[in-house]
Protein backbone atom coordinates (compact mmCIF):
# COMPACT_ATOMS: atom_id res chain seq x y z
CA MET A 1 0.00 0.00 0.00
CA LEU A 2 2.84 2.40 0.82
CA ASP A 3 4.17 2.24 -2.75
CA LYS A 4 1.25 4.47 -3.80
CA VAL A 5 3.03 7.47 -2.36
CA GLU A 6 6.63 8.55 -2.51
CA ILE A 7 8.09 8.69 0.94
CA ASN A 8 11.87 8.71 1.03
CA ARG A 9 12.48 7.23 4.43
CA SER A 10 16.25 7.41 4.03
CA ARG A 11 15.91 11.21 3.92
CA LYS A 12 13.24 11.08 6.66
CA LYS A 13 10.74 13.03 4.59
CA ARG A 14 7.64 13.57 6.72
CA ALA A 15 4.32 12.32 5.38
CA THR A 16 1.80 14.97 4.41
CA LEU A 17 -1.99 15.22 4.52
CA LYS A 18 -1.98 14.45 0.78
CA ASP A 19 -0.05 11.22 1.41
CA ILE A 20 -2.57 10.09 4.02
CA ALA A 21 -5.52 11.13 1.87
CA ALA A 22 -4.17 9.17 -1.12
CA LEU A 23 -3.87 5.99 0.92
CA ALA A 24 -7.23 6.45 2.65
CA GLY A 25 -9.06 7.29 -0.55
CA VAL A 26 -10.48 10.54 0.81
CA GLY A 27 -9.83 14.25 0.45
CA THR A 28 -7.30 16.21 2.49
CA ALA A 29 -10.12 18.11 4.20
CA THR A 30 -11.51 14.81 5.52
CA VAL A 31 -8.04 13.85 6.78
CA GLU A 32 -7.66 17.21 8.51
CA ARG A 33 -11.04 16.83 10.25
CA ALA A 34 -10.24 13.28 11.39
CA LEU A 35 -6.78 14.11 12.74
CA HIS A 36 -8.09 17.14 14.63
CA SER A 37 -11.31 15.45 15.85
CA ARG A 38 -13.55 18.05 14.22
CA GLY A 39 -16.39 15.68 13.39
CA ASN A 40 -18.34 14.88 10.22
CA VAL A 41 -16.18 11.84 9.46
CA ARG A 42 -17.60 8.31 9.51
CA PRO A 43 -16.10 6.25 12.39
CA GLU A 44 -14.65 3.59 10.09
CA THR A 45 -13.11 6.27 7.87
CA CYS A 46 -11.65 8.02 10.90
CA ARG A 47 -10.10 4.77 12.14
CA ARG A 48 -8.59 4.10 8.70
CA ILE A 49 -7.11 7.60 8.55
CA LEU A 50 -5.62 7.37 12.05
CA THR A 51 -4.13 3.95 11.31
CA ILE A 52 -2.48 5.22 8.13
CA ALA A 53 -1.20 8.35 9.89
CA ARG A 54 0.35 6.19 12.59
CA ASP A 55 1.90 3.80 10.05
CA LEU A 56 3.43 6.75 8.17
CA GLU A 57 4.72 8.22 11.45
CA TYR A 58 2.80 11.39 10.64
CA PHE A 59 2.59 12.33 14.30
CA PRO A 60 5.89 13.98 15.18
CA THR A 61 8.47 12.57 17.54
CA LEU A 62 9.37 14.71 20.51
CA PRO A 63 11.74 17.62 20.02
CA ASP A 64 14.93 17.87 22.03
CA LEU A 65 13.29 19.78 24.88
CA HIS A 66 11.08 16.73 25.61
CA GLN A 67 13.39 13.76 26.05
CA GLY A 68 11.82 10.41 26.91
CA VAL A 69 8.10 9.74 27.10
CA LEU A 70 5.76 12.71 27.26
CA ARG A 71 2.89 12.01 29.66
CA ILE A 72 -0.42 13.84 29.58
CA ASP A 73 -2.33 13.51 32.83
CA VAL A 74 -6.14 13.36 32.44
CA LEU A 75 -8.14 13.70 35.67
CA LEU A 76 -11.89 13.05 35.47
CA VAL A 77 -14.72 12.45 37.93
CA ARG A 78 -17.72 10.15 38.35
CA PRO A 79 -16.76 7.07 36.27
CA GLU A 80 -20.21 5.60 36.98
CA THR A 81 -21.88 8.17 34.73
CA LEU A 82 -22.31 7.38 31.05
CA PHE A 83 -20.97 10.78 29.99
CA TYR A 84 -17.63 10.53 31.77
CA ALA A 85 -17.27 6.90 30.73
CA ARG A 86 -17.78 8.05 27.13
CA LEU A 87 -15.25 10.87 27.57
CA SER A 88 -12.68 8.49 29.06
CA GLN A 89 -13.15 6.09 26.14
CA ALA A 90 -12.59 8.96 23.72
CA PHE A 91 -9.24 9.74 25.35
CA LYS A 92 -8.30 6.07 25.17
CA THR A 93 -9.12 5.88 21.46
CA LEU A 94 -7.23 9.05 20.63
CA ALA A 95 -4.22 8.06 22.72
CA ALA A 96 -3.68 5.02 20.48
CA SER A 97 -3.00 7.35 17.54
CA LEU A 98 -0.35 9.51 19.18
CA GLY A 99 2.66 7.23 18.90
CA LYS A 100 4.93 5.64 21.46
CA ASP A 101 6.52 8.91 22.61
CA ILE A 102 3.24 10.35 23.93
CA GLN A 103 1.20 8.60 26.60
CA VAL A 104 -2.20 9.65 27.94
CA HIS A 105 -2.91 8.59 31.53
CA ARG A 106 -6.63 8.55 32.36
CA ASN A 107 -7.54 8.72 36.05
CA PHE A 108 -10.77 9.15 37.99
CA VAL A 109 -10.68 11.10 41.26
CA GLY A 110 -13.40 11.05 43.93
CA GLU A 111 -15.22 14.37 43.85
CA ALA A 112 -16.10 14.29 47.55
CA ASP A 113 -12.56 13.87 48.89
CA ILE A 114 -11.27 17.39 48.37
CA ALA A 115 -7.94 16.78 50.13
CA ALA A 116 -7.20 13.78 47.92
CA PHE A 117 -8.19 15.75 44.84
CA VAL A 118 -5.84 18.58 45.78
CA ALA A 119 -2.99 16.16 46.50
CA ARG A 120 -3.48 14.44 43.12
CA ILE A 121 -3.39 17.76 41.28
CA ARG A 122 -0.22 18.86 43.02
CA ASP A 123 1.66 15.56 42.78
CA ALA A 124 1.24 12.97 40.03
CA PRO A 125 2.73 9.46 40.46
CA TYR A 126 4.76 10.05 37.27
CA ARG A 127 6.52 12.93 35.58
CA ARG A 128 3.80 14.69 33.60
CA SER A 129 4.06 17.29 30.88
CA ALA A 130 0.46 18.55 30.84
CA LEU A 131 -2.79 18.22 32.79
CA VAL A 132 -6.31 17.91 31.38
CA ILE A 133 -8.93 18.12 34.12
CA ALA A 134 -12.65 18.17 34.90
CA CYS A 135 -13.24 18.97 38.56
CA PRO A 136 -15.56 20.58 41.13
CA SER A 137 -15.12 24.30 41.74
CA HIS A 138 -13.97 23.95 45.34
CA PRO A 139 -11.63 26.78 46.45
CA ASP A 140 -8.86 24.37 47.52
CA ILE A 141 -8.99 22.56 44.17
CA LEU A 142 -8.89 25.84 42.27
CA GLU A 143 -5.94 27.04 44.33
CA ALA A 144 -4.06 23.82 43.53
CA LEU A 145 -4.78 24.26 39.82
CA HIS A 146 -3.56 27.84 39.93
CA HIS A 147 -0.41 26.67 41.73
CA VAL A 148 0.61 24.01 39.18
CA ALA A 149 -0.27 26.32 36.28
CA SER A 150 1.88 29.08 37.80
CA ASP A 151 4.75 26.59 37.99
CA GLY A 152 4.57 26.21 34.21
CA LEU A 153 2.49 23.05 33.82
CA PRO A 154 0.06 23.40 30.89
CA VAL A 155 -3.46 22.95 32.33
CA ILE A 156 -6.47 22.40 30.07
CA GLN A 157 -9.94 22.58 31.64
CA ILE A 158 -12.47 20.28 30.02
CA VAL A 159 -16.30 20.09 30.34
CA THR A 160 -16.46 22.66 33.15
CA ARG A 161 -14.64 26.03 33.32
CA ASN A 162 -13.49 27.09 36.78
CA LEU A 163 -10.59 29.46 36.14
CA PRO A 164 -11.11 32.03 33.35
CA GLY A 165 -7.37 32.47 32.90
CA LEU A 166 -6.73 28.86 31.87
CA PRO A 167 -7.61 27.24 28.53
CA TYR A 168 -11.05 25.64 28.41
CA VAL A 169 -12.43 23.01 26.05
CA GLY A 170 -16.17 22.59 26.36
CA ILE A 171 -19.54 23.89 25.32
CA ASP A 172 -21.12 27.19 26.33
CA ASN A 173 -23.13 25.85 29.26
CA HIS A 174 -25.01 29.09 29.83
CA ALA A 175 -26.23 28.95 26.23
CA ALA A 176 -27.16 25.28 26.71
CA GLY A 177 -29.40 26.21 29.65
CA ARG A 178 -31.05 28.99 27.69
CA THR A 179 -31.57 26.62 24.77
CA ALA A 180 -33.27 24.15 27.09
CA ALA A 181 -35.66 26.86 28.30
CA LEU A 182 -36.32 28.01 24.74
CA CYS A 183 -37.20 24.47 23.62
CA LEU A 184 -39.51 23.86 26.58
CA THR A 185 -41.38 27.16 26.32
CA ARG A 186 -41.91 26.86 22.57
CA SER A 187 -43.01 23.24 22.86
CA LEU A 188 -45.43 24.24 25.61
CA SER A 189 -46.62 27.48 24.00
CA GLN A 190 -50.25 26.28 24.15
CA ARG A 191 -50.02 25.36 27.83
CA SER A 192 -49.43 27.41 30.96
CA GLY A 193 -47.85 25.96 34.06
CA SER A 194 -44.68 25.36 36.04
CA LEU A 195 -41.31 23.91 35.08
CA LEU A 196 -38.83 21.90 37.14
CA ALA A 197 -35.03 21.69 36.92
CA LEU A 198 -32.85 18.93 38.34
CA CYS A 199 -29.04 18.86 38.52
CA HIS A 200 -26.13 17.40 40.45
CA SER A 201 -25.56 20.44 42.69
CA MET A 202 -23.94 23.83 42.37
CA THR A 203 -20.54 22.19 42.96
CA TYR A 204 -19.73 22.20 39.26
CA ALA A 205 -19.49 25.42 37.28
CA ASN A 206 -21.05 23.86 34.19
CA HIS A 207 -24.19 22.93 36.14
CA ARG A 208 -24.41 26.39 37.69
CA GLU A 209 -24.12 28.01 34.29
CA ARG A 210 -26.82 25.78 32.80
CA ILE A 211 -29.24 26.54 35.61
CA GLU A 212 -28.44 30.26 35.42
CA GLY A 213 -29.09 30.23 31.68
CA PHE A 214 -32.31 28.27 32.09
CA SER A 215 -33.75 30.41 34.88
CA GLY A 216 -32.53 33.64 33.27
CA PHE A 217 -34.35 32.87 30.03
CA LEU A 218 -37.59 32.11 31.88
CA SER A 219 -37.44 35.25 34.02
CA GLY A 220 -36.91 37.35 30.91
CA GLN A 221 -40.11 36.21 29.22
CA ALA A 222 -42.67 39.00 29.19
CA ALA A 223 -45.72 36.73 29.17
CA GLN A 224 -44.64 34.76 32.26
CA GLN A 225 -46.68 31.85 30.93
CA HIS A 226 -44.15 29.41 32.36
CA ARG A 227 -42.57 29.72 35.78
CA LEU A 228 -39.69 27.83 37.37
CA ALA A 229 -41.28 26.01 40.30
CA ASP A 230 -38.10 24.57 41.82
CA ILE A 231 -34.50 23.47 41.33
CA LEU A 232 -33.79 20.07 42.87
CA PHE A 233 -30.30 18.70 43.59
CA ASP A 234 -29.83 14.96 43.17
CA GLY A 235 -26.04 14.55 43.17
CA ASP A 236 -26.37 12.81 39.78
CA ASP A 237 -27.78 9.82 41.67
CA PRO A 238 -30.35 8.21 39.34
CA ASP A 239 -32.40 6.80 42.22
CA GLU A 240 -32.49 10.12 44.06
CA ALA A 241 -33.38 11.93 40.84
CA ALA A 242 -36.26 9.51 40.24
CA ARG A 243 -37.53 9.95 43.81
CA LEU A 244 -37.36 13.74 43.65
CA LEU A 245 -39.08 13.92 40.28
CA HIS A 246 -41.87 11.53 41.29
CA GLN A 247 -42.59 13.57 44.42
CA ALA A 248 -42.45 16.87 42.53
CA ILE A 249 -45.01 15.60 40.02
CA LEU A 250 -47.34 14.68 42.87
CA ASP A 251 -46.77 18.00 44.67
CA ASN A 252 -47.18 20.23 41.60
CA PRO A 253 -50.40 19.55 39.69
CA ASP A 254 -49.56 22.37 37.25
CA LEU A 255 -46.11 20.92 36.35
CA ILE A 256 -45.77 20.65 32.56
CA GLY A 257 -42.02 20.54 31.82
CA VAL A 258 -38.75 19.09 33.20
CA TYR A 259 -35.12 20.03 32.54
CA THR A 260 -32.37 17.67 33.72
CA ALA A 261 -29.13 19.67 33.64
CA GLY A 262 -26.69 16.94 34.70
CA GLY A 263 -26.03 13.24 34.31
CA ASP A 264 -29.08 12.26 36.34
CA ASN A 265 -31.29 11.02 33.49
CA LEU A 266 -31.02 7.23 33.74
CA ARG A 267 -34.38 6.79 35.51
CA ILE A 268 -36.17 9.99 34.49
CA GLY A 269 -37.91 8.27 31.59
CA GLU A 270 -39.12 5.52 33.90
CA VAL A 271 -40.80 8.08 36.18
CA LEU A 272 -42.33 10.04 33.32
CA ARG A 273 -43.83 6.87 31.85
CA ARG A 274 -45.52 6.22 35.22
CA HIS A 275 -47.10 9.68 34.91
CA ARG A 276 -47.75 9.50 31.18
CA GLN A 277 -51.21 11.02 31.59
CA ARG A 278 -49.56 14.30 32.67
CA SER A 279 -47.90 14.70 29.22
CA LEU A 280 -44.76 16.27 30.68
CA CYS A 281 -42.21 17.71 28.25
CA TRP A 282 -38.63 16.67 29.07
CA ILE A 283 -35.28 18.03 27.86
CA GLY A 284 -31.98 16.77 29.22
CA HIS A 285 -28.30 16.39 28.45
CA GLU A 286 -26.31 13.76 26.54
CA VAL A 287 -27.28 11.08 24.07
CA ASN A 288 -26.70 7.61 25.51
CA PRO A 289 -28.55 4.29 25.19
CA VAL A 290 -31.11 5.34 27.83
CA THR A 291 -31.90 8.80 26.44
CA ARG A 292 -31.85 7.41 22.89
CA ALA A 293 -34.66 5.01 23.80
CA CYS A 294 -36.57 7.83 25.51
CA LEU A 295 -36.26 10.06 22.45
CA ILE A 296 -37.48 7.31 20.15
CA ASP A 297 -40.55 6.45 22.24
CA GLY A 298 -41.43 10.11 22.84
CA THR A 299 -40.77 10.21 26.59
CA MET A 300 -37.96 12.69 26.00
CA SER A 301 -38.50 15.63 23.64
CA PHE A 302 -34.95 16.99 23.27
CA ALA A 303 -31.40 16.02 24.25
CA ILE A 304 -28.48 18.45 24.32
CA ASP A 305 -25.38 16.46 23.40
CA GLN A 306 -21.92 17.95 23.88
CA THR A 307 -19.94 15.37 21.83
CA PRO A 308 -17.21 14.45 24.35
CA GLU A 309 -15.16 12.87 21.54
CA THR A 310 -14.59 16.32 20.04
CA GLN A 311 -13.70 17.76 23.44
CA ALA A 312 -11.15 15.02 24.11
CA GLY A 313 -9.51 15.59 20.72
CA LEU A 314 -9.27 19.35 21.18
CA ALA A 315 -7.95 19.01 24.74
CA LEU A 316 -5.11 16.74 23.57
CA HIS A 317 -4.42 19.03 20.63
CA LEU A 318 -4.18 22.07 22.90
CA SER A 319 -1.91 20.16 25.31
CA LEU A 320 0.51 19.24 22.52
CA GLN A 321 0.32 22.78 21.16
CA LYS A 322 1.23 24.24 24.56
CA LEU A 323 4.22 21.88 24.66
CA GLY A 324 5.40 22.94 21.23
CA ILE A 325 4.86 19.49 19.72
CA ILE A 326 2.40 20.60 17.05
CA PRO A 327 1.51 23.99 15.57
CA ALA A 328 -1.33 26.08 16.94
CA LEU A 329 -4.84 25.47 15.70
CA ILE A 330 -5.88 27.89 13.00
CA GLY A 331 -9.32 29.38 13.50
CA PHE A 332 -9.99 27.36 16.66
CA ASP A 333 -13.71 27.02 17.25
CA PRO A 334 -14.97 25.88 20.67
CA PRO A 335 -17.05 22.69 20.73
CA GLN A 336 -20.71 23.17 19.89
CA PHE A 337 -23.55 21.21 21.43
CA ARG A 338 -26.10 19.38 19.29
CA LEU A 339 -29.83 19.53 19.80
CA VAL A 340 -31.08 15.98 19.22
CA THR A 341 -34.67 14.86 18.69
CA SER A 342 -36.33 11.65 17.57
CA GLU A 343 -36.04 12.94 14.00
CA ASN A 344 -32.26 13.39 13.82
CA ILE A 345 -30.96 10.84 16.32
CA GLY A 346 -29.76 8.57 13.52
């Protein structure tokens, strides 16, 4: 297969996007999107492109300032949730394409043990070159992040933005909350009543921003046809979320819409089916096997998906850029969320 392109290995000529495209049977634009995780590439095509790029040693070896193995430390939370499991898998898949000189270490840290979280941020069990992190916005955690960043360690925030001065890869969560409110109010334009929001807590900045966007949109509506009855905190515990929602439905006879702002949606559909006669409109976050089934059967009206695969790719790209391994992204666009319904779920 390699005889289709001219690569003079004796002169160590580096493969180009055109070389990869010729072998993959696609255009250079498709190769560029696949290598930079920008979406709109079929999974099997993406895998073929990454395999060819690795075989051609397209990904650069480390420059002299990075001798030995370069280790990127990825710290995530809540491995029991489908979203973070999906994000972790995305890092694993992308790590396989980076070559032997770059290793991605994925670790989950307990969100409740603040002291352990701080210790893990300050001291890794290996020499690391960059840190990618999703974490609660506790003051001690933020101080530790500021400390390691001040010492010169590249720190990339992913999913939730806690420190404005550090790079962030993730969606606009405030806009996501406003979008949720817009979808609910338009879907319920012929009905008046109350709305309910559920989320993990205010521990995470992304959840705070979503709730602020949601409530801000509702309070700005002149007609006041829909009011926010309550915000319930379930710690992303599916059982607690189900209990809270069931009780809220019983306590609020005028309840007509529900917004789940976190990863607490595994049993929401089950509760709404029990109260099917209430015809509640539900919008939540992330497309997973559970929400997919709820969208298809009509229990869920909308899902806001933030494509963690794209976020993982951009976080690694920014880490390598900060280390001088690859050039800066040109025209970097932050990840965009997708509004998914039963009609475009695929």
